[in-house]
N, C-alpha and C. Protein backbone atom coordinates (compact mmCIF):
# COMPACT_ATOMS: atom_id res chain seq x y z
N THR A 1 0.93 -1.21 -0.02
CA THR A 1 -0.02 0.03 -0.01
C THR A 1 0.73 1.17 -0.12
N LEU A 2 0.60 2.10 -0.80
CA LEU A 2 1.36 3.21 -0.99
C LEU A 2 0.52 4.51 -0.46
N THR A 3 0.97 5.11 0.36
CA THR A 3 0.06 6.24 0.92
C THR A 3 0.80 7.57 0.76
N ILE A 4 -0.06 8.54 0.09
CA ILE A 4 0.57 9.76 -0.07
C ILE A 4 -0.40 10.75 0.77
N GLU A 5 0.28 11.34 1.87
CA GLU A 5 -0.33 12.13 2.89
C GLU A 5 -1.01 13.28 2.33
N GLN A 6 -0.48 13.91 1.47
CA GLN A 6 -0.83 15.05 0.68
C GLN A 6 -0.69 15.09 -0.60
N ASN A 7 -1.70 15.67 -1.47
CA ASN A 7 -1.65 15.53 -2.72
C ASN A 7 -0.32 16.38 -3.23
N PRO A 8 0.76 15.85 -3.77
CA PRO A 8 1.84 16.59 -4.04
C PRO A 8 1.87 17.56 -5.38
N ILE A 9 0.75 17.39 -6.01
CA ILE A 9 0.60 18.27 -7.18
C ILE A 9 -0.26 19.44 -6.88
N ASP A 10 0.18 20.79 -7.08
CA ASP A 10 -0.66 21.97 -6.85
C ASP A 10 -1.35 22.24 -8.07
N PRO A 11 -2.77 21.93 -8.26
CA PRO A 11 -3.32 22.33 -9.59
C PRO A 11 -3.26 23.75 -9.88
N ARG A 12 -3.02 24.71 -9.05
CA ARG A 12 -2.73 26.20 -9.19
C ARG A 12 -1.29 26.46 -9.66
N GLY A 13 -0.61 25.43 -9.57
CA GLY A 13 0.89 25.83 -9.79
C GLY A 13 0.84 26.16 -11.58
N SER A 14 1.95 27.03 -11.90
CA SER A 14 2.04 27.21 -13.09
C SER A 14 3.41 26.61 -13.61
N ILE A 15 3.36 25.55 -14.26
CA ILE A 15 4.59 25.09 -14.77
C ILE A 15 4.46 25.22 -16.32
N SER A 16 5.33 25.69 -16.84
CA SER A 16 5.05 25.92 -18.45
C SER A 16 5.72 24.72 -19.29
N GLU A 17 5.21 24.46 -20.44
CA GLU A 17 5.67 23.42 -21.17
C GLU A 17 7.05 23.78 -21.76
N PRO A 18 7.78 22.72 -22.14
CA PRO A 18 9.26 22.81 -22.58
C PRO A 18 9.40 23.86 -23.73
N ASN A 19 10.21 24.63 -23.80
CA ASN A 19 10.45 25.59 -24.81
C ASN A 19 10.74 25.05 -26.06
N ASP A 20 9.91 25.34 -27.07
CA ASP A 20 10.00 24.73 -28.41
C ASP A 20 10.92 25.35 -29.34
N SER A 21 11.68 26.57 -28.75
CA SER A 21 12.51 27.28 -29.64
C SER A 21 13.78 26.36 -29.87
N MET A 22 14.04 25.33 -29.21
CA MET A 22 15.03 24.49 -29.37
C MET A 22 14.84 23.68 -30.65
N ARG A 23 13.47 23.51 -31.15
CA ARG A 23 13.24 22.60 -32.43
C ARG A 23 13.30 23.23 -33.66
N SER A 24 14.38 23.92 -33.87
CA SER A 24 14.39 24.45 -35.15
C SER A 24 14.39 23.50 -36.37
N GLU A 25 14.39 23.80 -37.58
CA GLU A 25 14.55 22.82 -38.70
C GLU A 25 15.91 22.15 -38.45
N ASN A 26 16.92 22.95 -38.30
CA ASN A 26 18.37 22.32 -38.40
C ASN A 26 18.49 21.40 -37.13
N THR A 27 17.84 21.71 -35.85
CA THR A 27 18.08 20.88 -34.91
C THR A 27 17.20 19.75 -35.13
N TYR A 28 16.07 19.77 -35.56
CA TYR A 28 15.38 18.68 -35.93
C TYR A 28 16.19 17.54 -36.73
N ARG A 29 16.64 18.35 -37.96
CA ARG A 29 17.44 17.34 -38.73
C ARG A 29 18.59 16.68 -37.96
N GLU A 30 19.17 17.47 -37.20
CA GLU A 30 20.51 16.80 -36.41
C GLU A 30 19.85 15.83 -35.73
N ILE A 31 18.84 15.91 -35.03
CA ILE A 31 18.28 14.94 -33.98
C ILE A 31 17.82 13.71 -34.77
N LYS A 32 17.16 13.88 -35.87
CA LYS A 32 16.79 12.81 -36.84
C LYS A 32 17.84 12.10 -37.35
N ASN A 33 18.93 12.77 -37.77
CA ASN A 33 20.03 12.01 -38.37
C ASN A 33 20.80 11.21 -37.45
N LEU A 34 21.04 11.83 -36.10
CA LEU A 34 21.53 11.02 -34.91
C LEU A 34 20.70 9.77 -34.64
N ALA A 35 19.33 10.02 -34.55
CA ALA A 35 18.64 8.79 -34.45
C ALA A 35 18.75 7.74 -35.42
N GLN A 36 18.74 8.23 -36.62
CA GLN A 36 18.97 7.13 -37.66
C GLN A 36 20.16 6.31 -37.83
N SER A 37 21.26 7.12 -37.19
CA SER A 37 22.50 6.42 -37.15
C SER A 37 22.70 5.66 -35.92
N ILE A 38 21.99 5.88 -34.87
CA ILE A 38 21.82 5.04 -33.61
C ILE A 38 21.18 3.53 -33.91
N THR A 39 20.13 3.80 -34.87
CA THR A 39 19.24 2.75 -35.01
C THR A 39 19.52 1.94 -36.24
N LYS A 40 20.53 2.35 -37.02
CA LYS A 40 20.89 2.01 -38.30
C LYS A 40 21.03 0.34 -38.18
N GLY A 41 20.29 -0.45 -39.17
CA GLY A 41 20.22 -1.87 -39.15
C GLY A 41 19.12 -2.57 -38.29
N ALA A 42 18.46 -1.63 -37.29
CA ALA A 42 17.25 -2.18 -36.40
C ALA A 42 16.21 -2.27 -37.50
N ILE A 43 15.67 -3.51 -37.20
CA ILE A 43 14.45 -3.98 -37.98
C ILE A 43 13.24 -3.55 -37.50
N THR A 44 12.85 -3.81 -36.04
CA THR A 44 11.68 -3.64 -35.45
C THR A 44 11.87 -2.47 -34.71
N PRO A 45 10.56 -1.78 -34.40
CA PRO A 45 10.49 -0.74 -33.44
C PRO A 45 11.28 -0.95 -32.10
N GLN A 46 11.09 -2.35 -31.39
CA GLN A 46 11.45 -2.58 -30.28
C GLN A 46 13.06 -2.55 -30.40
N GLU A 47 13.73 -3.01 -31.57
CA GLU A 47 15.07 -2.89 -31.62
C GLU A 47 15.56 -1.40 -31.76
N GLN A 48 14.78 -0.56 -32.30
CA GLN A 48 15.13 1.03 -32.32
C GLN A 48 15.04 1.45 -31.26
N ILE A 49 14.02 1.19 -30.15
CA ILE A 49 13.99 1.53 -28.84
C ILE A 49 15.04 1.11 -27.92
N LEU A 50 15.40 -0.07 -28.00
CA LEU A 50 16.71 -0.65 -27.31
C LEU A 50 17.77 0.03 -27.70
N ARG A 51 18.09 0.46 -28.89
CA ARG A 51 19.36 1.12 -29.45
C ARG A 51 19.32 2.53 -28.80
N ILE A 52 18.02 3.20 -28.88
CA ILE A 52 17.99 4.70 -28.44
C ILE A 52 18.27 4.53 -26.91
N ASN A 53 17.73 3.54 -26.09
CA ASN A 53 17.78 3.67 -24.74
C ASN A 53 19.31 3.37 -24.37
N GLN A 54 19.94 2.50 -25.13
CA GLN A 54 21.46 2.17 -24.61
C GLN A 54 22.24 3.41 -25.13
N PHE A 55 21.95 4.17 -26.26
CA PHE A 55 22.70 5.27 -26.55
C PHE A 55 22.77 6.18 -25.52
N VAL A 56 21.50 6.69 -25.05
CA VAL A 56 21.13 7.68 -24.06
C VAL A 56 21.90 7.30 -22.84
N ASN A 57 21.63 6.10 -22.19
CA ASN A 57 22.43 5.60 -21.11
C ASN A 57 23.87 5.87 -21.15
N ASN A 58 24.46 5.37 -22.28
CA ASN A 58 25.91 5.50 -22.28
C ASN A 58 26.26 7.06 -22.75
N TYR A 59 25.59 7.67 -23.47
CA TYR A 59 25.96 8.95 -24.00
C TYR A 59 26.24 10.15 -22.92
N LEU A 60 25.18 9.96 -21.96
CA LEU A 60 24.96 11.12 -20.88
C LEU A 60 25.78 10.56 -19.73
N THR A 61 26.35 11.42 -19.07
CA THR A 61 26.79 11.15 -17.60
C THR A 61 25.78 12.03 -16.54
N TYR A 62 25.40 11.00 -15.65
CA TYR A 62 24.38 11.56 -14.51
C TYR A 62 24.99 12.80 -13.75
N SER A 63 24.26 13.92 -13.63
CA SER A 63 24.75 14.87 -12.95
C SER A 63 23.40 15.77 -12.43
N LEU A 64 23.29 16.14 -11.10
CA LEU A 64 22.27 16.87 -10.72
C LEU A 64 22.46 18.11 -11.36
N ASN A 65 21.36 18.85 -11.90
CA ASN A 65 21.53 20.03 -12.51
C ASN A 65 20.17 20.82 -12.08
N LYS A 66 20.21 22.18 -11.78
CA LYS A 66 19.08 22.86 -11.25
C LYS A 66 18.02 23.17 -12.44
N LYS A 67 18.65 23.34 -13.62
CA LYS A 67 17.79 24.07 -14.66
C LYS A 67 17.66 23.00 -15.85
N PRO A 68 16.47 22.89 -16.43
CA PRO A 68 16.29 21.95 -17.56
C PRO A 68 17.26 22.37 -18.82
N LYS A 69 17.71 21.60 -19.39
CA LYS A 69 18.62 21.68 -20.43
C LYS A 69 17.81 21.61 -21.70
N THR A 70 18.17 22.30 -23.05
CA THR A 70 17.76 21.95 -24.20
C THR A 70 18.33 20.47 -24.74
N ILE A 71 17.74 20.08 -25.69
CA ILE A 71 18.38 18.87 -26.29
C ILE A 71 19.77 19.03 -26.85
N ILE A 72 19.88 20.21 -27.60
CA ILE A 72 21.41 20.58 -28.00
C ILE A 72 22.42 20.83 -26.86
N GLN A 73 21.82 21.40 -25.59
CA GLN A 73 22.85 21.45 -24.67
C GLN A 73 23.12 20.13 -24.20
N LEU A 74 22.21 19.15 -24.01
CA LEU A 74 22.49 17.78 -23.58
C LEU A 74 23.43 17.12 -24.58
N LEU A 75 23.14 17.18 -25.76
CA LEU A 75 24.04 16.52 -26.90
C LEU A 75 25.50 17.23 -26.50
N THR A 76 25.73 18.48 -26.35
CA THR A 76 27.10 19.18 -26.34
C THR A 76 27.65 18.94 -25.12
N ASP A 77 27.18 19.07 -23.83
CA ASP A 77 27.76 19.03 -22.56
C ASP A 77 27.81 17.32 -22.08
N ARG A 78 26.82 16.54 -22.65
CA ARG A 78 26.68 15.20 -22.26
C ARG A 78 26.34 14.94 -20.84
N THR A 79 25.85 15.86 -20.04
CA THR A 79 25.48 15.64 -18.68
C THR A 79 24.07 15.94 -18.56
N GLY A 80 23.58 15.30 -17.50
CA GLY A 80 22.01 15.55 -17.20
C GLY A 80 21.46 14.79 -15.92
N GLN A 81 20.38 15.10 -15.57
CA GLN A 81 19.49 14.26 -14.71
C GLN A 81 18.49 13.41 -15.49
N CYS A 82 17.74 12.71 -14.54
CA CYS A 82 16.86 11.76 -15.11
C CYS A 82 15.78 12.38 -16.12
N ALA A 83 15.28 13.47 -15.85
CA ALA A 83 14.54 14.18 -16.75
C ALA A 83 15.18 14.36 -18.08
N ASP A 84 16.49 14.77 -18.00
CA ASP A 84 17.22 15.14 -19.09
C ASP A 84 17.38 13.89 -20.19
N TYR A 85 17.57 12.73 -19.46
CA TYR A 85 17.86 11.43 -20.05
C TYR A 85 16.57 11.20 -20.85
N ALA A 86 15.37 11.23 -20.11
CA ALA A 86 14.01 10.85 -20.62
C ALA A 86 13.82 11.80 -21.72
N ASP A 87 14.08 13.16 -21.58
CA ASP A 87 13.78 14.21 -22.70
C ASP A 87 14.44 13.86 -23.95
N LEU A 88 15.89 13.48 -23.75
CA LEU A 88 16.49 13.13 -24.96
C LEU A 88 16.04 11.77 -25.60
N PHE A 89 15.73 11.02 -24.91
CA PHE A 89 15.13 9.56 -25.41
C PHE A 89 13.85 10.19 -26.35
N THR A 90 13.06 10.87 -25.48
CA THR A 90 11.72 11.09 -26.25
C THR A 90 11.87 11.76 -27.65
N GLU A 91 12.94 12.74 -27.65
CA GLU A 91 13.07 13.60 -29.09
C GLU A 91 13.68 12.54 -29.98
N LEU A 92 14.50 11.55 -29.74
CA LEU A 92 15.22 10.74 -30.61
C LEU A 92 14.18 9.82 -31.12
N ALA A 93 13.18 9.29 -29.98
CA ALA A 93 12.36 8.36 -30.57
C ALA A 93 11.23 8.95 -31.48
N ARG A 94 10.70 10.19 -31.20
CA ARG A 94 9.96 10.84 -31.93
C ARG A 94 10.18 11.33 -33.20
N SER A 95 11.54 11.63 -33.39
CA SER A 95 12.13 11.94 -34.69
C SER A 95 12.12 10.77 -35.66
N LEU A 96 11.84 9.40 -34.98
CA LEU A 96 11.73 8.14 -35.86
C LEU A 96 10.24 7.84 -36.02
N GLU A 97 9.57 8.74 -35.48
CA GLU A 97 7.89 8.53 -35.59
C GLU A 97 7.40 7.36 -34.69
N ILE A 98 8.35 7.29 -33.56
CA ILE A 98 7.80 6.40 -32.57
C ILE A 98 7.14 7.14 -31.46
N PRO A 99 5.92 6.88 -31.07
CA PRO A 99 5.22 7.66 -30.06
C PRO A 99 5.99 7.43 -28.74
N ALA A 100 6.31 8.52 -28.12
CA ALA A 100 7.06 8.50 -26.99
C ALA A 100 6.86 9.69 -26.01
N LYS A 101 6.86 9.50 -24.64
CA LYS A 101 6.71 10.74 -23.83
C LYS A 101 7.52 10.54 -22.69
N THR A 102 7.85 11.63 -21.86
CA THR A 102 8.50 11.50 -20.61
C THR A 102 7.56 11.39 -19.46
N VAL A 103 7.86 10.64 -18.61
CA VAL A 103 6.93 10.25 -17.43
C VAL A 103 7.60 10.64 -16.11
N PHE A 104 6.92 11.15 -15.09
CA PHE A 104 7.37 11.52 -13.88
C PHE A 104 6.68 10.83 -12.76
N GLY A 105 7.53 10.39 -11.83
CA GLY A 105 6.87 9.55 -10.74
C GLY A 105 7.88 9.15 -9.58
N LEU A 106 7.81 7.98 -9.05
CA LEU A 106 8.60 7.49 -8.32
C LEU A 106 9.17 6.22 -8.66
N ALA A 107 10.49 5.90 -8.43
CA ALA A 107 11.05 4.51 -8.72
C ALA A 107 11.98 4.18 -7.63
N TYR A 108 12.08 2.82 -7.31
CA TYR A 108 12.71 2.17 -6.29
C TYR A 108 14.39 2.24 -6.72
N TYR A 109 15.09 2.84 -5.64
CA TYR A 109 16.40 2.95 -5.96
C TYR A 109 17.16 2.18 -4.88
N ASP A 110 17.84 0.91 -5.46
CA ASP A 110 18.37 -0.02 -4.45
C ASP A 110 19.74 0.72 -4.31
N SER A 111 19.99 1.01 -3.09
CA SER A 111 21.41 1.59 -2.72
C SER A 111 21.76 1.22 -1.43
N GLU A 112 22.81 1.75 -0.78
CA GLU A 112 23.15 1.39 0.69
C GLU A 112 21.69 1.73 1.57
N THR A 113 21.03 2.69 1.20
CA THR A 113 19.79 3.05 1.89
C THR A 113 18.73 3.11 0.69
N PRO A 114 18.33 1.79 0.58
CA PRO A 114 17.15 1.58 -0.41
C PRO A 114 15.88 2.56 -0.22
N GLU A 115 15.44 3.17 -1.13
CA GLU A 115 14.22 4.03 -1.13
C GLU A 115 13.58 4.31 -2.38
N PHE A 116 12.49 4.75 -2.32
CA PHE A 116 11.93 5.29 -3.65
C PHE A 116 12.19 6.75 -3.84
N ARG A 117 12.44 7.13 -4.92
CA ARG A 117 13.04 8.40 -5.29
C ARG A 117 12.20 9.17 -6.49
N PHE A 118 12.17 10.38 -6.55
CA PHE A 118 11.38 11.04 -7.65
C PHE A 118 12.27 10.72 -8.88
N HIS A 119 11.45 10.46 -9.92
CA HIS A 119 12.28 9.92 -11.19
C HIS A 119 11.59 10.27 -12.47
N ALA A 120 12.27 10.34 -13.54
CA ALA A 120 11.65 10.50 -14.94
C ALA A 120 12.15 9.39 -15.81
N TRP A 121 11.16 8.96 -16.55
CA TRP A 121 11.74 7.87 -17.60
C TRP A 121 10.57 8.03 -18.72
N ASN A 122 10.38 6.92 -19.61
CA ASN A 122 9.80 7.24 -20.51
C ASN A 122 8.51 6.26 -20.75
N GLU A 123 7.73 6.39 -21.54
CA GLU A 123 6.56 5.60 -22.15
C GLU A 123 6.60 5.41 -23.52
N VAL A 124 6.56 4.43 -24.36
CA VAL A 124 6.54 4.41 -25.79
C VAL A 124 5.13 3.56 -26.10
N SER A 125 4.87 3.72 -27.39
CA SER A 125 3.76 2.85 -27.87
C SER A 125 4.32 2.24 -29.19
N ILE A 126 4.35 1.04 -28.88
CA ILE A 126 4.48 0.05 -30.14
C ILE A 126 3.13 -0.85 -30.48
N GLY A 127 2.61 -0.58 -31.83
CA GLY A 127 1.56 -1.37 -32.22
C GLY A 127 0.28 -1.09 -31.26
N GLY A 128 0.28 0.15 -30.64
CA GLY A 128 -0.79 0.23 -29.77
C GLY A 128 -0.62 -0.12 -28.38
N GLU A 129 0.60 -0.91 -28.05
CA GLU A 129 0.73 -1.45 -26.65
C GLU A 129 1.83 -0.14 -25.94
N ARG A 130 1.47 0.05 -24.75
CA ARG A 130 2.37 1.01 -24.08
C ARG A 130 3.49 0.13 -23.41
N MET A 131 4.85 0.62 -23.30
CA MET A 131 5.90 0.04 -22.85
C MET A 131 6.64 1.25 -22.08
N THR A 132 7.34 0.80 -21.10
CA THR A 132 8.11 1.88 -20.31
C THR A 132 9.61 1.67 -20.69
N VAL A 133 10.24 2.62 -20.70
CA VAL A 133 11.71 2.55 -20.88
C VAL A 133 12.49 3.56 -19.93
N ASP A 134 13.54 2.96 -19.38
CA ASP A 134 14.13 4.04 -18.36
C ASP A 134 15.59 4.12 -18.83
N PRO A 135 15.81 5.15 -19.80
CA PRO A 135 17.14 5.45 -20.06
C PRO A 135 18.28 5.67 -19.01
N THR A 136 17.86 6.34 -18.09
CA THR A 136 18.86 6.69 -16.95
C THR A 136 19.39 5.52 -16.37
N TRP A 137 18.51 4.42 -16.16
CA TRP A 137 18.94 3.31 -15.56
C TRP A 137 19.35 2.01 -16.63
N GLY A 138 18.85 2.28 -18.07
CA GLY A 138 19.38 1.35 -19.07
C GLY A 138 18.28 0.19 -19.05
N GLN A 139 17.05 0.54 -18.64
CA GLN A 139 16.04 -0.49 -18.46
C GLN A 139 15.15 -0.35 -19.71
N PHE A 140 14.82 -1.51 -20.43
CA PHE A 140 13.72 -1.79 -21.57
C PHE A 140 13.34 -3.22 -21.42
N PRO A 141 12.17 -3.49 -21.00
CA PRO A 141 11.22 -2.52 -20.42
C PRO A 141 11.59 -2.07 -18.96
N ALA A 142 11.23 -1.00 -18.54
CA ALA A 142 11.53 -0.48 -16.98
C ALA A 142 10.98 -1.52 -16.03
N ASP A 143 11.51 -1.71 -15.05
CA ASP A 143 11.07 -2.61 -13.97
C ASP A 143 9.65 -2.20 -13.41
N ALA A 144 9.15 -3.10 -12.74
CA ALA A 144 7.70 -2.80 -11.96
C ALA A 144 7.89 -1.81 -10.82
N THR A 145 9.00 -1.17 -10.42
CA THR A 145 8.99 -0.26 -9.31
C THR A 145 8.68 1.22 -9.71
N HIS A 146 8.51 1.41 -11.06
CA HIS A 146 8.36 2.74 -11.61
C HIS A 146 6.70 3.31 -11.38
N ILE A 147 6.51 3.99 -10.60
CA ILE A 147 5.21 4.53 -10.24
C ILE A 147 4.79 5.75 -10.70
N ALA A 148 4.13 5.77 -11.75
CA ALA A 148 4.05 7.04 -12.52
C ALA A 148 2.96 8.07 -11.84
N PHE A 149 3.16 9.46 -11.56
CA PHE A 149 2.25 10.49 -11.33
C PHE A 149 1.27 10.99 -12.47
N SER A 150 0.78 12.07 -12.15
CA SER A 150 0.16 12.49 -13.19
C SER A 150 0.60 12.89 -14.35
N GLN A 151 -0.05 12.97 -15.53
CA GLN A 151 0.47 13.08 -17.03
C GLN A 151 0.73 14.29 -17.29
N SER A 152 0.24 15.45 -16.40
CA SER A 152 0.30 16.73 -16.58
C SER A 152 1.68 17.38 -16.22
N TRP A 153 2.19 18.57 -16.83
CA TRP A 153 3.39 19.28 -16.43
C TRP A 153 3.43 19.72 -15.18
N SER A 154 2.17 19.74 -14.31
CA SER A 154 2.24 20.40 -12.94
C SER A 154 2.99 19.19 -12.13
N ALA A 155 3.19 17.81 -12.70
CA ALA A 155 4.03 16.88 -12.07
C ALA A 155 5.40 17.32 -11.78
N LEU A 156 5.94 18.19 -12.65
CA LEU A 156 7.26 18.74 -12.39
C LEU A 156 7.41 19.37 -11.11
N SER A 157 6.50 20.04 -10.56
CA SER A 157 6.55 20.65 -9.28
C SER A 157 7.01 19.51 -8.17
N ILE A 158 6.84 18.29 -8.39
CA ILE A 158 7.00 17.31 -7.52
C ILE A 158 8.75 17.18 -7.50
N LEU A 159 9.22 17.35 -8.73
CA LEU A 159 10.67 17.03 -8.76
C LEU A 159 11.39 18.21 -8.28
N ALA A 160 10.73 19.43 -8.00
CA ALA A 160 11.39 20.58 -7.36
C ALA A 160 11.64 20.30 -5.93
N GLY A 161 11.41 19.43 -5.29
CA GLY A 161 11.65 19.00 -4.01
C GLY A 161 10.52 19.70 -2.88
N GLN A 162 9.31 19.44 -3.41
CA GLN A 162 8.27 19.89 -2.47
C GLN A 162 8.38 19.26 -1.12
N PRO A 163 8.50 19.97 -0.05
CA PRO A 163 8.61 19.28 1.30
C PRO A 163 7.36 18.78 1.72
N ASN A 164 6.30 19.00 1.33
CA ASN A 164 5.02 18.45 1.79
C ASN A 164 4.64 16.99 1.16
N VAL A 165 5.51 16.23 0.62
CA VAL A 165 5.38 14.96 -0.01
C VAL A 165 5.92 13.86 0.96
N LYS A 166 4.84 13.04 1.46
CA LYS A 166 5.23 11.99 2.43
C LYS A 166 4.63 10.72 1.81
N PHE A 167 5.30 9.57 1.86
CA PHE A 167 4.69 8.42 1.64
C PHE A 167 5.39 7.27 2.51
N SER A 168 4.60 6.16 2.57
CA SER A 168 5.11 5.05 3.25
C SER A 168 4.66 3.86 2.76
N ILE A 169 5.25 2.75 2.75
CA ILE A 169 5.01 1.54 2.17
C ILE A 169 4.36 0.67 3.41
N LYS A 170 3.20 0.37 3.29
CA LYS A 170 2.77 -0.44 4.42
C LYS A 170 2.82 -2.02 4.41
N THR A 171 2.66 -2.31 3.03
CA THR A 171 2.68 -3.79 2.67
C THR A 171 3.59 -4.03 1.70
N ILE A 172 4.34 -5.13 1.81
CA ILE A 172 5.42 -5.59 0.65
C ILE A 172 4.92 -7.01 0.49
N GLU A 173 4.56 -7.46 -0.73
CA GLU A 173 4.32 -9.02 -0.90
C GLU A 173 5.25 -9.40 -2.06
N TYR A 174 5.90 -10.52 -1.89
CA TYR A 174 6.69 -11.25 -2.80
C TYR A 174 5.83 -12.41 -3.32
N LEU A 175 5.70 -12.51 -4.41
CA LEU A 175 5.35 -13.52 -5.31
C LEU A 175 6.26 -14.48 -5.86
N ASP A 176 5.98 -15.78 -5.67
CA ASP A 176 6.82 -16.85 -6.24
C ASP A 176 6.55 -16.88 -7.78
N SER A 177 7.62 -17.26 -8.50
CA SER A 177 7.35 -17.34 -9.88
C SER A 177 7.22 -18.57 -10.28
């Protein structure tokens, strides 16, 4: 049981959509050319997604940054946080006409102090079936510990470190396979 003590999404909050100024015709061509070179020889959409996921995971180095970056900034400085990994994946996939979006929520982080953390990953649609992809952690499909929040941009306010978000896990069940 996942309990959220207070709604972490403020419906009155004003989070703007990403800046489309980075999507000039030249930028779009660069992204499409990169995506085509990454997926060269891939036959199925699943193979394309797998290659894009591996590329983003290997190309970027994880770094906590405070401001969102444009795709060109990501490709140039090669550092970003989970939302940057997910946004780069989204742009590369969409340039190949693979329906994709960035998703925000919680994901289980297995570390010295295991915990659920705020995280961003992707959803893609292949033949009408939705699949999750996590380019930060190199997962395709992403594991079952990814819990998505609202699909609105107001979910970004969660990632800003709102102090009023509290949750606890009341029950954990393990199923034998």
